[in-house]
Amino acid sequence: MNGMKSKLTTIWIFAMLNYLYCDLLGLLDPNLLKQYLAGTANGIEISQTFLLGSAVLMEIPIAMVLLSRLLGYRANRWANIVAGATMTVVQIGSLFLGTPTLYYVFFSVIEMAATVSIVWIAWKWASDERAVSMAPKVAVSH
């Protein structure tokens, strides 16, 4: 189980680094920077509510780094499935806000591949666990 926990944690860290660097590039993009300075992001007003929503959304992958290491099998599996699916759907939806830049599409594809792989790995984890638990027990003699 520890191998699976490490794998999921590593993919969450990979996804987060991609989210962060894409956001950093957005701050360097002159067109987006003008929008940010004017108080909007792709036509959405940057308000305290918007920033809180963004913080809550980004807390999902941040929390999953920790939760993937600490939760037991069943809770871990479902937390990764739900969080991975949520982040995938959000990322898909973000592509329809305004006109995405080429670097944003590039990072989005990578981020979606990461979160879809998290869902797939967590989903498959159940069948692996069942296979192990259903395997015949072999007596070990000393």
Foldseek 3Di string as FASTA:
>chain_A
DQVLLVVLLVLLVVLLVLVVVLVVVLCVPVVSVVQVVVQHGLNHGNDPVNVVVVVVLSVLSVVLSVCSNPDDLPVNLVSLLVSLVVVLVVLVVVCPRHHDDPSSVVSSVVSNVSSVVSNVSSVVVVVVVVVVVPDDDDDDDD
